[in-house]
Amino acid sequence: QTRTLSLDKQVVSGDPYAAVGDVVVYNYVITNSGNVTLAGPFSVTDDKIAGIAAVNGPLVPGGSVTATGSYTITQTDLNNGSVTNVASASGNGVTSNT
């Protein structure tokens, strides 16, 4: 029996951005890519976004749940020409890809 999570980070709105203060909204789709049901809850950690709300389980094999987070564009982001953030999901002692 395999307990595995995968994470797909998707930009929902705010891209492209043009100014400091613009907001980029992300969906974090957490999928049970293993073959056993995971009870949850599931949390997402993103190095740019604090306080992403946990989502409840259970999560059956192949099933998905979605968490949402938002990021406010800074001058540094504009200077760099992009936003780079790294996220992972975890729950039931399992951590996803990043």
PDB file of N, CA and C in Angstrom:
ATOM      1  N   GLN A   1       0.843  -1.184   0.000  1.00  0.00           N
ATOM      2  CA  GLN A   1       0.000   0.000   0.000  1.00  0.00           C
ATOM      3  C   GLN A   1       0.885   1.242   0.000  1.00  0.00           C
ATOM      4  N   THR A   2       0.532   2.186  -0.865  1.00  0.00           N
ATOM      5  CA  THR A   2       1.351   3.376  -1.057  1.00  0.00           C
ATOM      6  C   THR A   2       0.573   4.628  -0.685  1.00  0.00           C
ATOM      7  N   ARG A   3       1.185   5.460   0.170  1.00  0.00           N
ATOM      8  CA  ARG A   3       0.591   6.750   0.554  1.00  0.00           C
ATOM      9  C   ARG A   3       1.409   7.848  -0.130  1.00  0.00           C
ATOM     10  N   THR A   4       0.797   8.508  -1.127  1.00  0.00           N
ATOM     11  CA  THR A   4       1.496   9.525  -1.910  1.00  0.00           C
ATOM     12  C   THR A   4       0.557  10.686  -2.219  1.00  0.00           C
ATOM     13  N   LEU A   5       1.090  11.905  -2.115  1.00  0.00           N
ATOM     14  CA  LEU A   5       0.353  13.107  -2.509  1.00  0.00           C
ATOM     15  C   LEU A   5       1.078  13.787  -3.651  1.00  0.00           C
ATOM     16  N   SER A   6       0.327  14.397  -4.553  1.00  0.00           N
ATOM     17  CA  SER A   6       0.918  15.267  -5.568  1.00  0.00           C
ATOM     18  C   SER A   6       0.241  16.627  -5.476  1.00  0.00           C
ATOM     19  N   LEU A   7       0.954  17.648  -5.909  1.00  0.00           N
ATOM     20  CA  LEU A   7       0.454  19.021  -5.837  1.00  0.00           C
ATOM     21  C   LEU A   7       0.601  19.684  -7.193  1.00  0.00           C
ATOM     22  N   ASP A   8      -0.474  20.322  -7.640  1.00  0.00           N
ATOM     23  CA  ASP A   8      -0.467  21.096  -8.880  1.00  0.00           C
ATOM     24  C   ASP A   8      -0.837  22.528  -8.528  1.00  0.00           C
ATOM     25  N   LYS A   9       0.112  23.454  -8.678  1.00  0.00           N
ATOM     26  CA  LYS A   9      -0.119  24.876  -8.380  1.00  0.00           C
ATOM     27  C   LYS A   9      -0.581  25.564  -9.661  1.00  0.00           C
ATOM     28  N   GLN A  10      -1.744  26.226  -9.602  1.00  0.00           N
ATOM     29  CA  GLN A  10      -2.334  26.862 -10.779  1.00  0.00           C
ATOM     30  C   GLN A  10      -2.609  28.333 -10.499  1.00  0.00           C
ATOM     31  N   VAL A  11      -2.257  29.206 -11.439  1.00  0.00           N
ATOM     32  CA  VAL A  11      -2.599  30.624 -11.327  1.00  0.00           C
ATOM     33  C   VAL A  11      -4.050  30.781 -11.763  1.00  0.00           C
ATOM     34  N   VAL A  12      -4.879  31.332 -10.863  1.00  0.00           N
ATOM     35  CA  VAL A  12      -6.305  31.499 -11.140  1.00  0.00           C
ATOM     36  C   VAL A  12      -6.583  32.878 -11.720  1.00  0.00           C
ATOM     37  N   SER A  13      -5.949  33.906 -11.151  1.00  0.00           N
ATOM     38  CA  SER A  13      -6.149  35.273 -11.638  1.00  0.00           C
ATOM     39  C   SER A  13      -4.968  36.135 -11.220  1.00  0.00           C
ATOM     40  N   GLY A  14      -4.858  37.286 -11.865  1.00  0.00           N
ATOM     41  CA  GLY A  14      -3.816  38.242 -11.520  1.00  0.00           C
ATOM     42  C   GLY A  14      -2.553  38.126 -12.343  1.00  0.00           C
ATOM     43  N   ASP A  15      -2.548  37.261 -13.341  1.00  0.00           N
ATOM     44  CA  ASP A  15      -1.375  37.118 -14.192  1.00  0.00           C
ATOM     45  C   ASP A  15      -1.832  37.316 -15.629  1.00  0.00           C
ATOM     46  N   PRO A  16      -1.321  38.248 -16.377  1.00  0.00           N
ATOM     47  CA  PRO A  16      -0.127  39.014 -16.032  1.00  0.00           C
ATOM     48  C   PRO A  16      -0.435  40.148 -15.054  1.00  0.00           C
ATOM     49  N   TYR A  17       0.577  40.520 -14.315  1.00  0.00           N
ATOM     50  CA  TYR A  17       0.470  41.631 -13.370  1.00  0.00           C
ATOM     51  C   TYR A  17       1.322  42.781 -13.888  1.00  0.00           C
ATOM     52  N   ALA A  18       0.978  44.011 -13.471  1.00  0.00           N
ATOM     53  CA  ALA A  18       1.666  45.173 -14.030  1.00  0.00           C
ATOM     54  C   ALA A  18       2.147  46.165 -12.986  1.00  0.00           C
ATOM     55  N   ALA A  19       1.664  46.046 -11.748  1.00  0.00           N
ATOM     56  CA  ALA A  19       1.973  47.078 -10.760  1.00  0.00           C
ATOM     57  C   ALA A  19       2.134  46.477  -9.369  1.00  0.00           C
ATOM     58  N   VAL A  20       2.906  47.180  -8.551  1.00  0.00           N
ATOM     59  CA  VAL A  20       3.010  46.829  -7.139  1.00  0.00           C
ATOM     60  C   VAL A  20       1.604  46.859  -6.547  1.00  0.00           C
ATOM     61  N   GLY A  21       1.270  45.848  -5.771  1.00  0.00           N
ATOM     62  CA  GLY A  21      -0.061  45.770  -5.175  1.00  0.00           C
ATOM     63  C   GLY A  21      -1.030  44.891  -5.937  1.00  0.00           C
ATOM     64  N   ASP A  22      -0.717  44.557  -7.205  1.00  0.00           N
ATOM     65  CA  ASP A  22      -1.553  43.591  -7.926  1.00  0.00           C
ATOM     66  C   ASP A  22      -1.538  42.274  -7.159  1.00  0.00           C
ATOM     67  N   VAL A  23      -2.615  41.523  -7.245  1.00  0.00           N
ATOM     68  CA  VAL A  23      -2.732  40.272  -6.491  1.00  0.00           C
ATOM     69  C   VAL A  23      -2.830  39.091  -7.460  1.00  0.00           C
ATOM     70  N   VAL A  24      -1.991  38.085  -7.211  1.00  0.00           N
ATOM     71  CA  VAL A  24      -2.034  36.837  -7.965  1.00  0.00           C
ATOM     72  C   VAL A  24      -2.684  35.785  -7.068  1.00  0.00           C
ATOM     73  N   VAL A  25      -3.717  35.115  -7.580  1.00  0.00           N
ATOM     74  CA  VAL A  25      -4.429  34.089  -6.818  1.00  0.00           C
ATOM     75  C   VAL A  25      -4.041  32.716  -7.366  1.00  0.00           C
ATOM     76  N   TYR A  26      -3.701  31.819  -6.448  1.00  0.00           N
ATOM     77  CA  TYR A  26      -3.298  30.459  -6.799  1.00  0.00           C
ATOM     78  C   TYR A  26      -4.298  29.447  -6.255  1.00  0.00           C
ATOM     79  N   ASN A  27      -4.557  28.408  -7.033  1.00  0.00           N
ATOM     80  CA  ASN A  27      -5.211  27.199  -6.539  1.00  0.00           C
ATOM     81  C   ASN A  27      -4.127  26.143  -6.392  1.00  0.00           C
ATOM     82  N   TYR A  28      -4.167  25.430  -5.289  1.00  0.00           N
ATOM     83  CA  TYR A  28      -3.249  24.331  -5.028  1.00  0.00           C
ATOM     84  C   TYR A  28      -4.089  23.054  -5.020  1.00  0.00           C
ATOM     85  N   VAL A  29      -3.986  22.276  -6.080  1.00  0.00           N
ATOM     86  CA  VAL A  29      -4.780  21.053  -6.203  1.00  0.00           C
ATOM     87  C   VAL A  29      -3.956  19.894  -5.631  1.00  0.00           C
ATOM     88  N   ILE A  30      -4.457  19.348  -4.521  1.00  0.00           N
ATOM     89  CA  ILE A  30      -3.791  18.252  -3.820  1.00  0.00           C
ATOM     90  C   ILE A  30      -4.479  16.960  -4.240  1.00  0.00           C
ATOM     91  N   THR A  31      -3.706  16.026  -4.783  1.00  0.00           N
ATOM     92  CA  THR A  31      -4.260  14.769  -5.274  1.00  0.00           C
ATOM     93  C   THR A  31      -3.639  13.595  -4.528  1.00  0.00           C
ATOM     94  N   ASN A  32      -4.485  12.659  -4.138  1.00  0.00           N
ATOM     95  CA  ASN A  32      -4.008  11.414  -3.545  1.00  0.00           C
ATOM     96  C   ASN A  32      -3.551  10.528  -4.695  1.00  0.00           C
ATOM     97  N   SER A  33      -2.237  10.471  -4.917  1.00  0.00           N
ATOM     98  CA  SER A  33      -1.697   9.678  -6.018  1.00  0.00           C
ATOM     99  C   SER A  33      -1.260   8.290  -5.553  1.00  0.00           C
ATOM    100  N   GLY A  34      -1.614   7.953  -4.318  1.00  0.00           N
ATOM    101  CA  GLY A  34      -1.342   6.616  -3.796  1.00  0.00           C
ATOM    102  C   GLY A  34      -2.535   5.703  -3.993  1.00  0.00           C
ATOM    103  N   ASN A  35      -2.515   4.584  -3.256  1.00  0.00           N
ATOM    104  CA  ASN A  35      -3.603   3.619  -3.427  1.00  0.00           C
ATOM    105  C   ASN A  35      -4.350   3.318  -2.127  1.00  0.00           C
ATOM    106  N   VAL A  36      -4.215   4.209  -1.130  1.00  0.00           N
ATOM    107  CA  VAL A  36      -4.983   4.085   0.113  1.00  0.00           C
ATOM    108  C   VAL A  36      -5.635   5.429   0.431  1.00  0.00           C
ATOM    109  N   THR A  37      -6.787   5.411   1.071  1.00  0.00           N
ATOM    110  CA  THR A  37      -7.484   6.635   1.460  1.00  0.00           C
ATOM    111  C   THR A  37      -6.707   7.337   2.567  1.00  0.00           C
ATOM    112  N   LEU A  38      -6.567   8.660   2.456  1.00  0.00           N
ATOM    113  CA  LEU A  38      -5.894   9.486   3.462  1.00  0.00           C
ATOM    114  C   LEU A  38      -6.946  10.326   4.169  1.00  0.00           C
ATOM    115  N   ALA A  39      -6.896  10.347   5.493  1.00  0.00           N
ATOM    116  CA  ALA A  39      -7.941  10.992   6.292  1.00  0.00           C
ATOM    117  C   ALA A  39      -7.891  12.515   6.258  1.00  0.00           C
ATOM    118  N   GLY A  40      -6.692  13.106   6.149  1.00  0.00           N
ATOM    119  CA  GLY A  40      -6.575  14.558   6.214  1.00  0.00           C
ATOM    120  C   GLY A  40      -6.566  15.036   7.642  1.00  0.00           C
ATOM    121  N   PRO A  41      -6.581  16.313   7.910  1.00  0.00           N
ATOM    122  CA  PRO A  41      -6.630  17.411   6.940  1.00  0.00           C
ATOM    123  C   PRO A  41      -5.307  17.544   6.182  1.00  0.00           C
ATOM    124  N   PHE A  42      -5.333  18.352   5.127  1.00  0.00           N
ATOM    125  CA  PHE A  42      -4.181  18.565   4.270  1.00  0.00           C
ATOM    126  C   PHE A  42      -3.809  20.044   4.281  1.00  0.00           C
ATOM    127  N   SER A  43      -2.523  20.318   4.405  1.00  0.00           N
ATOM    128  CA  SER A  43      -2.073  21.704   4.440  1.00  0.00           C
ATOM    129  C   SER A  43      -1.128  21.966   3.276  1.00  0.00           C
ATOM    130  N   VAL A  44      -1.057  23.238   2.880  1.00  0.00           N
ATOM    131  CA  VAL A  44      -0.153  23.673   1.823  1.00  0.00           C
ATOM    132  C   VAL A  44       0.800  24.693   2.420  1.00  0.00           C
ATOM    133  N   THR A  45       2.081  24.523   2.119  1.00  0.00           N
ATOM    134  CA  THR A  45       3.105  25.477   2.510  1.00  0.00           C
ATOM    135  C   THR A  45       3.663  26.097   1.237  1.00  0.00           C
ATOM    136  N   ASP A  46       3.714  27.427   1.197  1.00  0.00           N
ATOM    137  CA  ASP A  46       4.250  28.158   0.053  1.00  0.00           C
ATOM    138  C   ASP A  46       5.248  29.167   0.598  1.00  0.00           C
ATOM    139  N   ASP A  47       6.439  29.226   0.005  1.00  0.00           N
ATOM    140  CA  ASP A  47       7.480  30.104   0.546  1.00  0.00           C
ATOM    141  C   ASP A  47       7.178  31.593   0.372  1.00  0.00           C
ATOM    142  N   LYS A  48       6.155  31.953  -0.375  1.00  0.00           N
ATOM    143  CA  LYS A  48       5.775  33.361  -0.549  1.00  0.00           C
ATOM    144  C   LYS A  48       4.460  33.721   0.138  1.00  0.00           C
ATOM    145  N   ILE A  49       3.657  32.716   0.495  1.00  0.00           N
ATOM    146  CA  ILE A  49       2.302  32.973   0.991  1.00  0.00           C
ATOM    147  C   ILE A  49       2.117  32.296   2.346  1.00  0.00           C
ATOM    148  N   ALA A  50       1.774  33.090   3.345  1.00  0.00           N
ATOM    149  CA  ALA A  50       1.508  32.545   4.680  1.00  0.00           C
ATOM    150  C   ALA A  50       0.005  32.364   4.872  1.00  0.00           C
ATOM    151  N   GLY A  51      -0.359  31.438   5.722  1.00  0.00           N
ATOM    152  CA  GLY A  51      -1.752  31.315   6.138  1.00  0.00           C
ATOM    153  C   GLY A  51      -2.701  30.689   5.151  1.00  0.00           C
ATOM    154  N   ILE A  52      -2.218  29.795   4.296  1.00  0.00           N
ATOM    155  CA  ILE A  52      -3.124  29.081   3.394  1.00  0.00           C
ATOM    156  C   ILE A  52      -3.944  28.114   4.243  1.00  0.00           C
ATOM    157  N   ALA A  53      -5.254  28.219   4.163  1.00  0.00           N
ATOM    158  CA  ALA A  53      -6.141  27.407   5.005  1.00  0.00           C
ATOM    159  C   ALA A  53      -6.030  25.927   4.646  1.00  0.00           C
ATOM    160  N   ALA A  54      -5.997  25.092   5.679  1.00  0.00           N
ATOM    161  CA  ALA A  54      -5.986  23.641   5.480  1.00  0.00           C
ATOM    162  C   ALA A  54      -7.326  23.195   4.904  1.00  0.00           C
ATOM    163  N   VAL A  55      -7.298  22.087   4.183  1.00  0.00           N
ATOM    164  CA  VAL A  55      -8.522  21.513   3.632  1.00  0.00           C
ATOM    165  C   VAL A  55      -8.737  20.128   4.236  1.00  0.00           C
ATOM    166  N   ASN A  56      -9.985  19.773   4.432  1.00  0.00           N
ATOM    167  CA  ASN A  56     -10.333  18.514   5.081  1.00  0.00           C
ATOM    168  C   ASN A  56     -10.308  17.348   4.113  1.00  0.00           C
ATOM    169  N   GLY A  57     -10.176  16.172   4.669  1.00  0.00           N
ATOM    170  CA  GLY A  57     -10.274  14.923   3.946  1.00  0.00           C
ATOM    171  C   GLY A  57     -11.626  14.303   4.242  1.00  0.00           C
ATOM    172  N   PRO A  58     -11.819  13.056   3.984  1.00  0.00           N
ATOM    173  CA  PRO A  58     -10.789  12.145   3.489  1.00  0.00           C
ATOM    174  C   PRO A  58     -10.555  12.323   1.993  1.00  0.00           C
ATOM    175  N   LEU A  59      -9.434  11.765   1.558  1.00  0.00           N
ATOM    176  CA  LEU A  59      -9.052  11.851   0.158  1.00  0.00           C
ATOM    177  C   LEU A  59      -8.825  10.428  -0.348  1.00  0.00           C
ATOM    178  N   VAL A  60      -9.738   9.960  -1.199  1.00  0.00           N
ATOM    179  CA  VAL A  60      -9.647   8.600  -1.742  1.00  0.00           C
ATOM    180  C   VAL A  60      -8.571   8.561  -2.820  1.00  0.00           C
ATOM    181  N   PRO A  61      -8.045   7.390  -3.153  1.00  0.00           N
ATOM    182  CA  PRO A  61      -7.061   7.299  -4.227  1.00  0.00           C
ATOM    183  C   PRO A  61      -7.589   7.944  -5.513  1.00  0.00           C
ATOM    184  N   GLY A  62      -6.796   8.831  -6.086  1.00  0.00           N
ATOM    185  CA  GLY A  62      -7.184   9.548  -7.297  1.00  0.00           C
ATOM    186  C   GLY A  62      -8.012  10.786  -7.042  1.00  0.00           C
ATOM    187  N   GLY A  63      -8.469  10.981  -5.805  1.00  0.00           N
ATOM    188  CA  GLY A  63      -9.290  12.139  -5.463  1.00  0.00           C
ATOM    189  C   GLY A  63      -8.450  13.378  -5.223  1.00  0.00           C
ATOM    190  N   SER A  64      -9.080  14.545  -5.350  1.00  0.00           N
ATOM    191  CA  SER A  64      -8.382  15.824  -5.183  1.00  0.00           C
ATOM    192  C   SER A  64      -9.183  16.776  -4.313  1.00  0.00           C
ATOM    193  N   VAL A  65      -8.479  17.654  -3.632  1.00  0.00           N
ATOM    194  CA  VAL A  65      -9.056  18.787  -2.915  1.00  0.00           C
ATOM    195  C   VAL A  65      -8.243  20.012  -3.301  1.00  0.00           C
ATOM    196  N   THR A  66      -8.838  21.200  -3.132  1.00  0.00           N
ATOM    197  CA  THR A  66      -8.176  22.427  -3.562  1.00  0.00           C
ATOM    198  C   THR A  66      -8.100  23.426  -2.425  1.00  0.00           C
ATOM    199  N   ALA A  67      -6.901  23.981  -2.233  1.00  0.00           N
ATOM    200  CA  ALA A  67      -6.673  25.095  -1.314  1.00  0.00           C
ATOM    201  C   ALA A  67      -6.374  26.321  -2.171  1.00  0.00           C
ATOM    202  N   THR A  68      -6.605  27.501  -1.621  1.00  0.00           N
ATOM    203  CA  THR A  68      -6.395  28.743  -2.368  1.00  0.00           C
ATOM    204  C   THR A  68      -5.537  29.699  -1.555  1.00  0.00           C
ATOM    205  N   GLY A  69      -4.653  30.415  -2.244  1.00  0.00           N
ATOM    206  CA  GLY A  69      -3.832  31.438  -1.598  1.00  0.00           C
ATOM    207  C   GLY A  69      -3.634  32.599  -2.540  1.00  0.00           C
ATOM    208  N   SER A  70      -3.289  33.760  -1.983  1.00  0.00           N
ATOM    209  CA  SER A  70      -3.055  34.936  -2.829  1.00  0.00           C
ATOM    210  C   SER A  70      -1.753  35.608  -2.432  1.00  0.00           C
ATOM    211  N   TYR A  71      -1.118  36.212  -3.422  1.00  0.00           N
ATOM    212  CA  TYR A  71       0.173  36.866  -3.244  1.00  0.00           C
ATOM    213  C   TYR A  71       0.101  38.272  -3.824  1.00  0.00           C
ATOM    214  N   THR A  72       0.598  39.251  -3.066  1.00  0.00           N
ATOM    215  CA  THR A  72       0.608  40.643  -3.513  1.00  0.00           C
ATOM    216  C   THR A  72       1.965  40.967  -4.131  1.00  0.00           C
ATOM    217  N   ILE A  73       1.940  41.474  -5.345  1.00  0.00           N
ATOM    218  CA  ILE A  73       3.147  41.781  -6.103  1.00  0.00           C
ATOM    219  C   ILE A  73       3.935  42.911  -5.433  1.00  0.00           C
ATOM    220  N   THR A  74       5.260  42.725  -5.397  1.00  0.00           N
ATOM    221  CA  THR A  74       6.171  43.725  -4.828  1.00  0.00           C
ATOM    222  C   THR A  74       7.013  44.355  -5.937  1.00  0.00           C
ATOM    223  N   GLN A  75       7.719  45.410  -5.595  1.00  0.00           N
ATOM    224  CA  GLN A  75       8.621  46.043  -6.560  1.00  0.00           C
ATOM    225  C   GLN A  75       9.709  45.067  -7.000  1.00  0.00           C
ATOM    226  N   THR A  76      10.189  44.244  -6.081  1.00  0.00           N
ATOM    227  CA  THR A  76      11.207  43.245  -6.423  1.00  0.00           C
ATOM    228  C   THR A  76      10.697  42.291  -7.495  1.00  0.00           C
ATOM    229  N   ASP A  77       9.438  41.876  -7.381  1.00  0.00           N
ATOM    230  CA  ASP A  77       8.852  40.997  -8.404  1.00  0.00           C
ATOM    231  C   ASP A  77       8.862  41.678  -9.768  1.00  0.00           C
ATOM    232  N   LEU A  78       8.479  42.963  -9.791  1.00  0.00           N
ATOM    233  CA  LEU A  78       8.475  43.700 -11.060  1.00  0.00           C
ATOM    234  C   LEU A  78       9.888  43.814 -11.613  1.00  0.00           C
ATOM    235  N   ASN A  79      10.855  44.112 -10.740  1.00  0.00           N
ATOM    236  CA  ASN A  79      12.247  44.220 -11.177  1.00  0.00           C
ATOM    237  C   ASN A  79      12.751  42.895 -11.744  1.00  0.00           C
ATOM    238  N   ASN A  80      12.354  41.785 -11.110  1.00  0.00           N
ATOM    239  CA  ASN A  80      12.788  40.458 -11.559  1.00  0.00           C
ATOM    240  C   ASN A  80      12.037  39.978 -12.797  1.00  0.00           C
ATOM    241  N   GLY A  81      10.862  40.544 -13.044  1.00  0.00           N
ATOM    242  CA  GLY A  81      10.070  40.147 -14.197  1.00  0.00           C
ATOM    243  C   GLY A  81       9.241  38.897 -13.985  1.00  0.00           C
ATOM    244  N   SER A  82       9.268  38.356 -12.764  1.00  0.00           N
ATOM    245  CA  SER A  82       8.477  37.156 -12.481  1.00  0.00           C
ATOM    246  C   SER A  82       8.381  36.930 -10.978  1.00  0.00           C
ATOM    247  N   VAL A  83       7.459  36.049 -10.615  1.00  0.00           N
ATOM    248  CA  VAL A  83       7.322  35.592  -9.234  1.00  0.00           C
ATOM    249  C   VAL A  83       7.689  34.115  -9.224  1.00  0.00           C
ATOM    250  N   THR A  84       8.630  33.761  -8.379  1.00  0.00           N
ATOM    251  CA  THR A  84       8.994  32.360  -8.220  1.00  0.00           C
ATOM    252  C   THR A  84       8.653  31.945  -6.803  1.00  0.00           C
ATOM    253  N   ASN A  85       7.787  30.964  -6.681  1.00  0.00           N
ATOM    254  CA  ASN A  85       7.437  30.455  -5.360  1.00  0.00           C
ATOM    255  C   ASN A  85       7.404  28.935  -5.402  1.00  0.00           C
ATOM    256  N   VAL A  86       7.728  28.340  -4.258  1.00  0.00           N
ATOM    257  CA  VAL A  86       7.793  26.888  -4.137  1.00  0.00           C
ATOM    258  C   VAL A  86       6.764  26.457  -3.107  1.00  0.00           C
ATOM    259  N   ALA A  87       5.959  25.462  -3.456  1.00  0.00           N
ATOM    260  CA  ALA A  87       4.896  25.000  -2.560  1.00  0.00           C
ATOM    261  C   ALA A  87       4.952  23.486  -2.422  1.00  0.00           C
ATOM    262  N   SER A  88       4.429  23.007  -1.298  1.00  0.00           N
ATOM    263  CA  SER A  88       4.252  21.572  -1.093  1.00  0.00           C
ATOM    264  C   SER A  88       2.998  21.355  -0.257  1.00  0.00           C
ATOM    265  N   ALA A  89       2.453  20.171  -0.352  1.00  0.00           N
ATOM    266  CA  ALA A  89       1.266  19.798   0.421  1.00  0.00           C
ATOM    267  C   ALA A  89       1.635  18.654   1.346  1.00  0.00           C
ATOM    268  N   SER A  90       0.943  18.591   2.493  1.00  0.00           N
ATOM    269  CA  SER A  90       1.202  17.494   3.419  1.00  0.00           C
ATOM    270  C   SER A  90      -0.069  17.129   4.167  1.00  0.00           C
ATOM    271  N   GLY A  91      -0.080  15.907   4.634  1.00  0.00           N
ATOM    272  CA  GLY A  91      -1.182  15.395   5.443  1.00  0.00           C
ATOM    273  C   GLY A  91      -0.971  13.930   5.728  1.00  0.00           C
ATOM    274  N   ASN A  92      -1.328  13.509   6.909  1.00  0.00           N
ATOM    275  CA  ASN A  92      -1.191  12.111   7.309  1.00  0.00           C
ATOM    276  C   ASN A  92       0.244  11.606   7.194  1.00  0.00           C
ATOM    277  N   GLY A  93       1.214  12.487   7.478  1.00  0.00           N
ATOM    278  CA  GLY A  93       2.612  12.093   7.432  1.00  0.00           C
ATOM    279  C   GLY A  93       3.184  11.964   6.041  1.00  0.00           C
ATOM    280  N   VAL A  94       2.463  12.441   5.038  1.00  0.00           N
ATOM    281  CA  VAL A  94       2.907  12.364   3.645  1.00  0.00           C
ATOM    282  C   VAL A  94       3.114  13.780   3.133  1.00  0.00           C
ATOM    283  N   THR A  95       4.231  14.015   2.428  1.00  0.00           N
ATOM    284  CA  THR A  95       4.500  15.320   1.824  1.00  0.00           C
ATOM    285  C   THR A  95       4.592  15.153   0.318  1.00  0.00           C
ATOM    286  N   SER A  96       4.010  16.120  -0.403  1.00  0.00           N
ATOM    287  CA  SER A  96       3.956  16.057  -1.867  1.00  0.00           C
ATOM    288  C   SER A  96       5.277  16.458  -2.493  1.00  0.00           C
ATOM    289  N   ASN A  97       5.270  16.384  -3.803  1.00  0.00           N
ATOM    290  CA  ASN A  97       6.294  17.014  -4.614  1.00  0.00           C
ATOM    291  C   ASN A  97       6.201  18.520  -4.414  1.00  0.00           C
ATOM    292  N   THR A  98       7.168  19.265  -4.906  1.00  0.00           N
ATOM    293  CA  THR A  98       7.110  20.733  -4.799  1.00  0.00           C
ATOM    294  C   THR A  98       6.893  21.350  -6.155  1.00  0.00           C
TER     295      THR A  98
END
